Amino acid sequence: MPYLLISTQIRMEAGPTMVGDEHSDPVLMSFLGATKRNMLGNHFWEYYVNDAPRIVLDKLESRGYRVVSMTGVGQTLVWCLHKE
């Protein structure tokens, strides 16, 4: 999977950071130390870490991922990364 979306809500200095969905690479999720969860009311699972986004971005860069774009949606920040 060459594309990855990560996001955080409200405070980007502290985390948690959402790092994947139920179809994400389990090896990569393990490398990030991610935990799979299902929030009440959602019909999907997501992976998250308690790290701030900067820490997650540093880890992903070490694995060859590069930020393609970043945007804010309400109080959520989203980064799109790609691995060649």
PDB file of N, CA and C in Angstrom:
ATOM      1  N   MET A   1       0.836  -1.183   0.000  1.00  0.00           N
ATOM      2  CA  MET A   1       0.000   0.000   0.000  1.00  0.00           C
ATOM      3  C   MET A   1       0.876   1.239   0.000  1.00  0.00           C
ATOM      4  N   PRO A   2       0.930   1.941  -1.108  1.00  0.00           N
ATOM      5  CA  PRO A   2       1.822   3.093  -1.144  1.00  0.00           C
ATOM      6  C   PRO A   2       1.258   4.359  -0.503  1.00  0.00           C
ATOM      7  N   TYR A   3      -0.058   4.457  -0.315  1.00  0.00           N
ATOM      8  CA  TYR A   3      -0.644   5.667   0.282  1.00  0.00           C
ATOM      9  C   TYR A   3      -1.070   5.404   1.719  1.00  0.00           C
ATOM     10  N   LEU A   4      -0.965   6.448   2.538  1.00  0.00           N
ATOM     11  CA  LEU A   4      -1.341   6.347   3.937  1.00  0.00           C
ATOM     12  C   LEU A   4      -1.909   7.692   4.369  1.00  0.00           C
ATOM     13  N   LEU A   5      -3.031   7.676   5.073  1.00  0.00           N
ATOM     14  CA  LEU A   5      -3.604   8.888   5.659  1.00  0.00           C
ATOM     15  C   LEU A   5      -3.415   8.828   7.165  1.00  0.00           C
ATOM     16  N   ILE A   6      -2.943   9.913   7.761  1.00  0.00           N
ATOM     17  CA  ILE A   6      -2.914  10.013   9.213  1.00  0.00           C
ATOM     18  C   ILE A   6      -3.643  11.295   9.587  1.00  0.00           C
ATOM     19  N   SER A   7      -4.194  11.314  10.790  1.00  0.00           N
ATOM     20  CA  SER A   7      -4.941  12.506  11.207  1.00  0.00           C
ATOM     21  C   SER A   7      -4.898  12.657  12.717  1.00  0.00           C
ATOM     22  N   THR A   8      -5.190  13.857  13.149  1.00  0.00           N
ATOM     23  CA  THR A   8      -5.320  14.141  14.569  1.00  0.00           C
ATOM     24  C   THR A   8      -6.410  15.198  14.740  1.00  0.00           C
ATOM     25  N   GLN A   9      -7.025  15.215  15.901  1.00  0.00           N
ATOM     26  CA  GLN A   9      -8.098  16.161  16.159  1.00  0.00           C
ATOM     27  C   GLN A   9      -7.698  17.140  17.254  1.00  0.00           C
ATOM     28  N   ILE A  10      -8.080  18.367  17.075  1.00  0.00           N
ATOM     29  CA  ILE A  10      -7.988  19.458  18.042  1.00  0.00           C
ATOM     30  C   ILE A  10      -6.546  19.851  18.373  1.00  0.00           C
ATOM     31  N   ARG A  11      -5.748  18.987  19.017  1.00  0.00           N
ATOM     32  CA  ARG A  11      -4.390  19.375  19.427  1.00  0.00           C
ATOM     33  C   ARG A  11      -3.362  18.503  18.740  1.00  0.00           C
ATOM     34  N   MET A  12      -2.544  19.085  17.882  1.00  0.00           N
ATOM     35  CA  MET A  12      -1.547  18.275  17.197  1.00  0.00           C
ATOM     36  C   MET A  12      -0.255  18.134  17.992  1.00  0.00           C
ATOM     37  N   GLU A  13      -0.116  18.845  19.111  1.00  0.00           N
ATOM     38  CA  GLU A  13       1.110  18.748  19.902  1.00  0.00           C
ATOM     39  C   GLU A  13       1.151  17.510  20.782  1.00  0.00           C
ATOM     40  N   ALA A  14      -0.002  16.910  21.063  1.00  0.00           N
ATOM     41  CA  ALA A  14      -0.033  15.854  22.068  1.00  0.00           C
ATOM     42  C   ALA A  14      -0.507  14.492  21.562  1.00  0.00           C
ATOM     43  N   GLY A  15      -1.251  14.432  20.487  1.00  0.00           N
ATOM     44  CA  GLY A  15      -1.813  13.167  20.058  1.00  0.00           C
ATOM     45  C   GLY A  15      -3.137  12.934  20.748  1.00  0.00           C
ATOM     46  N   PRO A  16      -3.842  11.856  20.549  1.00  0.00           N
ATOM     47  CA  PRO A  16      -3.401  10.712  19.746  1.00  0.00           C
ATOM     48  C   PRO A  16      -3.464  11.020  18.258  1.00  0.00           C
ATOM     49  N   THR A  17      -2.827  10.145  17.478  1.00  0.00           N
ATOM     50  CA  THR A  17      -2.814  10.268  16.033  1.00  0.00           C
ATOM     51  C   THR A  17      -3.431   9.016  15.431  1.00  0.00           C
ATOM     52  N   MET A  18      -4.399   9.187  14.528  1.00  0.00           N
ATOM     53  CA  MET A  18      -4.988   8.075  13.799  1.00  0.00           C
ATOM     54  C   MET A  18      -4.044   7.746  12.651  1.00  0.00           C
ATOM     55  N   VAL A  19      -3.652   6.477  12.543  1.00  0.00           N
ATOM     56  CA  VAL A  19      -2.614   6.115  11.572  1.00  0.00           C
ATOM     57  C   VAL A  19      -3.070   5.093  10.533  1.00  0.00           C
ATOM     58  N   GLY A  20      -4.285   4.620  10.609  1.00  0.00           N
ATOM     59  CA  GLY A  20      -4.723   3.659   9.607  1.00  0.00           C
ATOM     60  C   GLY A  20      -6.138   3.195   9.835  1.00  0.00           C
ATOM     61  N   ASP A  21      -6.642   2.457   8.855  1.00  0.00           N
ATOM     62  CA  ASP A  21      -7.982   1.885   8.966  1.00  0.00           C
ATOM     63  C   ASP A  21      -7.870   0.363   9.079  1.00  0.00           C
ATOM     64  N   GLU A  22      -8.994  -0.306   9.092  1.00  0.00           N
ATOM     65  CA  GLU A  22      -9.005  -1.752   9.306  1.00  0.00           C
ATOM     66  C   GLU A  22      -8.284  -2.528   8.209  1.00  0.00           C
ATOM     67  N   HIS A  23      -7.992  -1.901   7.062  1.00  0.00           N
ATOM     68  CA  HIS A  23      -7.320  -2.569   5.959  1.00  0.00           C
ATOM     69  C   HIS A  23      -5.840  -2.211   5.874  1.00  0.00           C
ATOM     70  N   SER A  24      -5.320  -1.499   6.854  1.00  0.00           N
ATOM     71  CA  SER A  24      -3.925  -1.062   6.841  1.00  0.00           C
ATOM     72  C   SER A  24      -2.975  -2.232   7.054  1.00  0.00           C
ATOM     73  N   ASP A  25      -1.745  -2.036   6.600  1.00  0.00           N
ATOM     74  CA  ASP A  25      -0.688  -3.042   6.710  1.00  0.00           C
ATOM     75  C   ASP A  25      -0.395  -3.329   8.189  1.00  0.00           C
ATOM     76  N   PRO A  26      -0.659  -4.548   8.653  1.00  0.00           N
ATOM     77  CA  PRO A  26      -0.444  -4.844  10.076  1.00  0.00           C
ATOM     78  C   PRO A  26       1.022  -4.742  10.502  1.00  0.00           C
ATOM     79  N   VAL A  27       1.952  -4.994   9.597  1.00  0.00           N
ATOM     80  CA  VAL A  27       3.377  -4.874   9.932  1.00  0.00           C
ATOM     81  C   VAL A  27       3.731  -3.413  10.187  1.00  0.00           C
ATOM     82  N   LEU A  28       3.241  -2.518   9.332  1.00  0.00           N
ATOM     83  CA  LEU A  28       3.481  -1.087   9.516  1.00  0.00           C
ATOM     84  C   LEU A  28       2.808  -0.585  10.790  1.00  0.00           C
ATOM     85  N   MET A  29       1.593  -1.043  11.054  1.00  0.00           N
ATOM     86  CA  MET A  29       0.884  -0.621  12.266  1.00  0.00           C
ATOM     87  C   MET A  29       1.639  -1.076  13.514  1.00  0.00           C
ATOM     88  N   SER A  30       2.211  -2.275  13.467  1.00  0.00           N
ATOM     89  CA  SER A  30       3.011  -2.775  14.586  1.00  0.00           C
ATOM     90  C   SER A  30       4.265  -1.916  14.777  1.00  0.00           C
ATOM     91  N   PHE A  31       4.928  -1.549  13.666  1.00  0.00           N
ATOM     92  CA  PHE A  31       6.110  -0.691  13.725  1.00  0.00           C
ATOM     93  C   PHE A  31       5.781   0.649  14.401  1.00  0.00           C
ATOM     94  N   LEU A  32       4.599   1.185  14.110  1.00  0.00           N
ATOM     95  CA  LEU A  32       4.186   2.457  14.703  1.00  0.00           C
ATOM     96  C   LEU A  32       3.705   2.306  16.143  1.00  0.00           C
ATOM     97  N   GLY A  33       3.494   1.063  16.586  1.00  0.00           N
ATOM     98  CA  GLY A  33       2.971   0.830  17.929  1.00  0.00           C
ATOM     99  C   GLY A  33       1.489   1.116  18.021  1.00  0.00           C
ATOM    100  N   ALA A  34       0.781   0.942  16.901  1.00  0.00           N
ATOM    101  CA  ALA A  34      -0.635   1.299  16.820  1.00  0.00           C
ATOM    102  C   ALA A  34      -1.535   0.243  17.440  1.00  0.00           C
ATOM    103  N   THR A  35      -2.644   0.700  17.970  1.00  0.00           N
ATOM    104  CA  THR A  35      -3.681  -0.139  18.554  1.00  0.00           C
ATOM    105  C   THR A  35      -4.943   0.016  17.711  1.00  0.00           C
ATOM    106  N   LYS A  36      -5.617  -1.106  17.464  1.00  0.00           N
ATOM    107  CA  LYS A  36      -6.850  -1.090  16.667  1.00  0.00           C
ATOM    108  C   LYS A  36      -8.032  -0.864  17.603  1.00  0.00           C
ATOM    109  N   ARG A  37      -8.934   0.038  17.211  1.00  0.00           N
ATOM    110  CA  ARG A  37     -10.098   0.313  18.048  1.00  0.00           C
ATOM    111  C   ARG A  37     -11.324   0.608  17.181  1.00  0.00           C
ATOM    112  N   ASN A  38     -12.481   0.472  17.816  1.00  0.00           N
ATOM    113  CA  ASN A  38     -13.753   0.813  17.189  1.00  0.00           C
ATOM    114  C   ASN A  38     -14.455   1.776  18.129  1.00  0.00           C
ATOM    115  N   MET A  39     -14.631   3.022  17.689  1.00  0.00           N
ATOM    116  CA  MET A  39     -15.288   4.028  18.513  1.00  0.00           C
ATOM    117  C   MET A  39     -16.798   3.806  18.484  1.00  0.00           C
ATOM    118  N   LEU A  40     -17.442   4.006  19.612  1.00  0.00           N
ATOM    119  CA  LEU A  40     -18.876   3.837  19.724  1.00  0.00           C
ATOM    120  C   LEU A  40     -19.602   4.660  18.660  1.00  0.00           C
ATOM    121  N   GLY A  41     -20.478   4.011  17.916  1.00  0.00           N
ATOM    122  CA  GLY A  41     -21.244   4.685  16.874  1.00  0.00           C
ATOM    123  C   GLY A  41     -20.632   4.584  15.489  1.00  0.00           C
ATOM    124  N   ASN A  42     -19.345   4.200  15.404  1.00  0.00           N
ATOM    125  CA  ASN A  42     -18.700   4.033  14.095  1.00  0.00           C
ATOM    126  C   ASN A  42     -18.867   2.595  13.618  1.00  0.00           C
ATOM    127  N   HIS A  43     -18.992   2.436  12.309  1.00  0.00           N
ATOM    128  CA  HIS A  43     -19.116   1.101  11.724  1.00  0.00           C
ATOM    129  C   HIS A  43     -17.806   0.671  11.081  1.00  0.00           C
ATOM    130  N   PHE A  44     -16.702   1.171  11.599  1.00  0.00           N
ATOM    131  CA  PHE A  44     -15.384   0.836  11.064  1.00  0.00           C
ATOM    132  C   PHE A  44     -14.367   0.823  12.206  1.00  0.00           C
ATOM    133  N   TRP A  45     -13.236   0.190  11.945  1.00  0.00           N
ATOM    134  CA  TRP A  45     -12.133   0.137  12.899  1.00  0.00           C
ATOM    135  C   TRP A  45     -11.041   1.084  12.426  1.00  0.00           C
ATOM    136  N   GLU A  46     -10.245   1.576  13.375  1.00  0.00           N
ATOM    137  CA  GLU A  46      -9.126   2.442  13.042  1.00  0.00           C
ATOM    138  C   GLU A  46      -7.945   2.118  13.947  1.00  0.00           C
ATOM    139  N   TYR A  47      -6.751   2.413  13.460  1.00  0.00           N
ATOM    140  CA  TYR A  47      -5.536   2.264  14.259  1.00  0.00           C
ATOM    141  C   TYR A  47      -5.138   3.643  14.772  1.00  0.00           C
ATOM    142  N   TYR A  48      -4.669   3.692  16.005  1.00  0.00           N
ATOM    143  CA  TYR A  48      -4.204   4.960  16.562  1.00  0.00           C
ATOM    144  C   TYR A  48      -2.992   4.727  17.448  1.00  0.00           C
ATOM    145  N   VAL A  49      -2.216   5.779  17.644  1.00  0.00           N
ATOM    146  CA  VAL A  49      -1.093   5.772  18.583  1.00  0.00           C
ATOM    147  C   VAL A  49      -1.251   6.997  19.482  1.00  0.00           C
ATOM    148  N   ASN A  50      -0.674   6.951  20.651  1.00  0.00           N
ATOM    149  CA  ASN A  50      -0.747   8.092  21.565  1.00  0.00           C
ATOM    150  C   ASN A  50       0.292   9.160  21.241  1.00  0.00           C
ATOM    151  N   ASP A  51       1.166   8.888  20.258  1.00  0.00           N
ATOM    152  CA  ASP A  51       2.195   9.854  19.865  1.00  0.00           C
ATOM    153  C   ASP A  51       1.590  11.054  19.143  1.00  0.00           C
ATOM    154  N   ALA A  52       2.293  12.165  19.222  1.00  0.00           N
ATOM    155  CA  ALA A  52       1.930  13.352  18.445  1.00  0.00           C
ATOM    156  C   ALA A  52       2.220  13.089  16.965  1.00  0.00           C
ATOM    157  N   PRO A  53       1.534  13.783  16.068  1.00  0.00           N
ATOM    158  CA  PRO A  53       1.758  13.562  14.636  1.00  0.00           C
ATOM    159  C   PRO A  53       3.217  13.715  14.202  1.00  0.00           C
ATOM    160  N   ARG A  54       3.952  14.653  14.791  1.00  0.00           N
ATOM    161  CA  ARG A  54       5.355  14.844  14.409  1.00  0.00           C
ATOM    162  C   ARG A  54       6.175  13.579  14.629  1.00  0.00           C
ATOM    163  N   ILE A  55       5.929  12.889  15.727  1.00  0.00           N
ATOM    164  CA  ILE A  55       6.637  11.641  16.021  1.00  0.00           C
ATOM    165  C   ILE A  55       6.280  10.589  14.978  1.00  0.00           C
ATOM    166  N   VAL A  56       4.993  10.482  14.655  1.00  0.00           N
ATOM    167  CA  VAL A  56       4.526   9.511  13.663  1.00  0.00           C
ATOM    168  C   VAL A  56       5.129   9.830  12.298  1.00  0.00           C
ATOM    169  N   LEU A  57       5.127  11.106  11.908  1.00  0.00           N
ATOM    170  CA  LEU A  57       5.699  11.493  10.617  1.00  0.00           C
ATOM    171  C   LEU A  57       7.188  11.164  10.550  1.00  0.00           C
ATOM    172  N   ASP A  58       7.923  11.370  11.640  1.00  0.00           N
ATOM    173  CA  ASP A  58       9.347  11.009  11.676  1.00  0.00           C
ATOM    174  C   ASP A  58       9.531   9.504  11.476  1.00  0.00           C
ATOM    175  N   LYS A  59       8.712   8.697  12.153  1.00  0.00           N
ATOM    176  CA  LYS A  59       8.810   7.237  12.015  1.00  0.00           C
ATOM    177  C   LYS A  59       8.495   6.798  10.583  1.00  0.00           C
ATOM    178  N   LEU A  60       7.468   7.400   9.991  1.00  0.00           N
ATOM    179  CA  LEU A  60       7.082   7.027   8.633  1.00  0.00           C
ATOM    180  C   LEU A  60       8.138   7.464   7.617  1.00  0.00           C
ATOM    181  N   GLU A  61       8.778   8.602   7.855  1.00  0.00           N
ATOM    182  CA  GLU A  61       9.851   9.030   6.964  1.00  0.00           C
ATOM    183  C   GLU A  61      10.989   8.012   6.977  1.00  0.00           C
ATOM    184  N   SER A  62      11.281   7.442   8.138  1.00  0.00           N
ATOM    185  CA  SER A  62      12.340   6.438   8.223  1.00  0.00           C
ATOM    186  C   SER A  62      11.992   5.168   7.447  1.00  0.00           C
ATOM    187  N   ARG A  63      10.723   4.979   7.140  1.00  0.00           N
ATOM    188  CA  ARG A  63      10.261   3.840   6.341  1.00  0.00           C
ATOM    189  C   ARG A  63      10.052   4.197   4.875  1.00  0.00           C
ATOM    190  N   GLY A  64      10.426   5.415   4.476  1.00  0.00           N
ATOM    191  CA  GLY A  64      10.337   5.796   3.078  1.00  0.00           C
ATOM    192  C   GLY A  64       9.081   6.541   2.665  1.00  0.00           C
ATOM    193  N   TYR A  65       8.230   6.905   3.614  1.00  0.00           N
ATOM    194  CA  TYR A  65       7.018   7.668   3.296  1.00  0.00           C
ATOM    195  C   TYR A  65       7.343   9.154   3.228  1.00  0.00           C
ATOM    196  N   ARG A  66       6.674   9.858   2.311  1.00  0.00           N
ATOM    197  CA  ARG A  66       6.827  11.291   2.153  1.00  0.00           C
ATOM    198  C   ARG A  66       5.454  11.945   2.162  1.00  0.00           C
ATOM    199  N   VAL A  67       5.346  13.118   2.759  1.00  0.00           N
ATOM    200  CA  VAL A  67       4.074  13.845   2.788  1.00  0.00           C
ATOM    201  C   VAL A  67       3.771  14.370   1.385  1.00  0.00           C
ATOM    202  N   VAL A  68       2.571  14.053   0.903  1.00  0.00           N
ATOM    203  CA  VAL A  68       2.112  14.535  -0.395  1.00  0.00           C
ATOM    204  C   VAL A  68       1.276  15.791  -0.204  1.00  0.00           C
ATOM    205  N   SER A  69       0.412  15.771   0.814  1.00  0.00           N
ATOM    206  CA  SER A  69      -0.426  16.935   1.090  1.00  0.00           C
ATOM    207  C   SER A  69      -0.868  16.912   2.542  1.00  0.00           C
ATOM    208  N   MET A  70      -1.340  18.071   2.985  1.00  0.00           N
ATOM    209  CA  MET A  70      -1.842  18.221   4.347  1.00  0.00           C
ATOM    210  C   MET A  70      -2.971  19.229   4.296  1.00  0.00           C
ATOM    211  N   THR A  71      -4.017  19.000   5.093  1.00  0.00           N
ATOM    212  CA  THR A  71      -5.136  19.933   5.117  1.00  0.00           C
ATOM    213  C   THR A  71      -5.792  19.926   6.492  1.00  0.00           C
ATOM    214  N   GLY A  72      -6.565  20.933   6.750  1.00  0.00           N
ATOM    215  CA  GLY A  72      -7.377  20.997   7.952  1.00  0.00           C
ATOM    216  C   GLY A  72      -8.835  20.873   7.580  1.00  0.00           C
ATOM    217  N   VAL A  73      -9.562  20.059   8.325  1.00  0.00           N
ATOM    218  CA  VAL A  73     -10.995  19.861   8.105  1.00  0.00           C
ATOM    219  C   VAL A  73     -11.671  20.085   9.455  1.00  0.00           C
ATOM    220  N   GLY A  74     -12.268  21.253   9.667  1.00  0.00           N
ATOM    221  CA  GLY A  74     -12.824  21.568  10.981  1.00  0.00           C
ATOM    222  C   GLY A  74     -11.693  21.616  11.995  1.00  0.00           C
ATOM    223  N   GLN A  75     -11.784  20.782  13.024  1.00  0.00           N
ATOM    224  CA  GLN A  75     -10.732  20.712  14.039  1.00  0.00           C
ATOM    225  C   GLN A  75      -9.845  19.482  13.849  1.00  0.00           C
ATOM    226  N   THR A  76      -9.847  18.940  12.639  1.00  0.00           N
ATOM    227  CA  THR A  76      -9.042  17.770  12.312  1.00  0.00           C
ATOM    228  C   THR A  76      -7.968  18.155  11.306  1.00  0.00           C
ATOM    229  N   LEU A  77      -6.754  17.661  11.514  1.00  0.00           N
ATOM    230  CA  LEU A  77      -5.662  17.829  10.558  1.00  0.00           C
ATOM    231  C   LEU A  77      -5.404  16.477   9.907  1.00  0.00           C
ATOM    232  N   VAL A  78      -5.201  16.478   8.590  1.00  0.00           N
ATOM    233  CA  VAL A  78      -5.012  15.236   7.844  1.00  0.00           C
ATOM    234  C   VAL A  78      -3.767  15.366   6.967  1.00  0.00           C
ATOM    235  N   TRP A  79      -2.921  14.322   7.000  1.00  0.00           N
ATOM    236  CA  TRP A  79      -1.749  14.249   6.145  1.00  0.00           C
ATOM    237  C   TRP A  79      -1.893  13.055   5.223  1.00  0.00           C
ATOM    238  N   CYS A  80      -1.564  13.235   3.954  1.00  0.00           N
ATOM    239  CA  CYS A  80      -1.539  12.140   2.984  1.00  0.00           C
ATOM    240  C   CYS A  80      -0.075  11.865   2.686  1.00  0.00           C
ATOM    241  N   LEU A  81       0.339  10.608   2.870  1.00  0.00           N
ATOM    242  CA  LEU A  81       1.725  10.223   2.620  1.00  0.00           C
ATOM    243  C   LEU A  81       1.772   9.183   1.521  1.00  0.00           C
ATOM    244  N   HIS A  82       2.906   9.122   0.830  1.00  0.00           N
ATOM    245  CA  HIS A  82       3.104   8.142  -0.243  1.00  0.00           C
ATOM    246  C   HIS A  82       4.474   7.514  -0.096  1.00  0.00           C
ATOM    247  N   LYS A  83       4.552   6.230  -0.384  1.00  0.00           N
ATOM    248  CA  LYS A  83       5.821   5.519  -0.362  1.00  0.00           C
ATOM    249  C   LYS A  83       6.101   5.016  -1.766  1.00  0.00           C
ATOM    250  N   GLU A  84       7.253   5.353  -2.299  1.00  0.00           N
ATOM    251  CA  GLU A  84       7.613   4.911  -3.656  1.00  0.00           C
ATOM    252  C   GLU A  84       8.008   3.455  -3.657  1.00  0.00           C
TER     253      GLU A  84
END
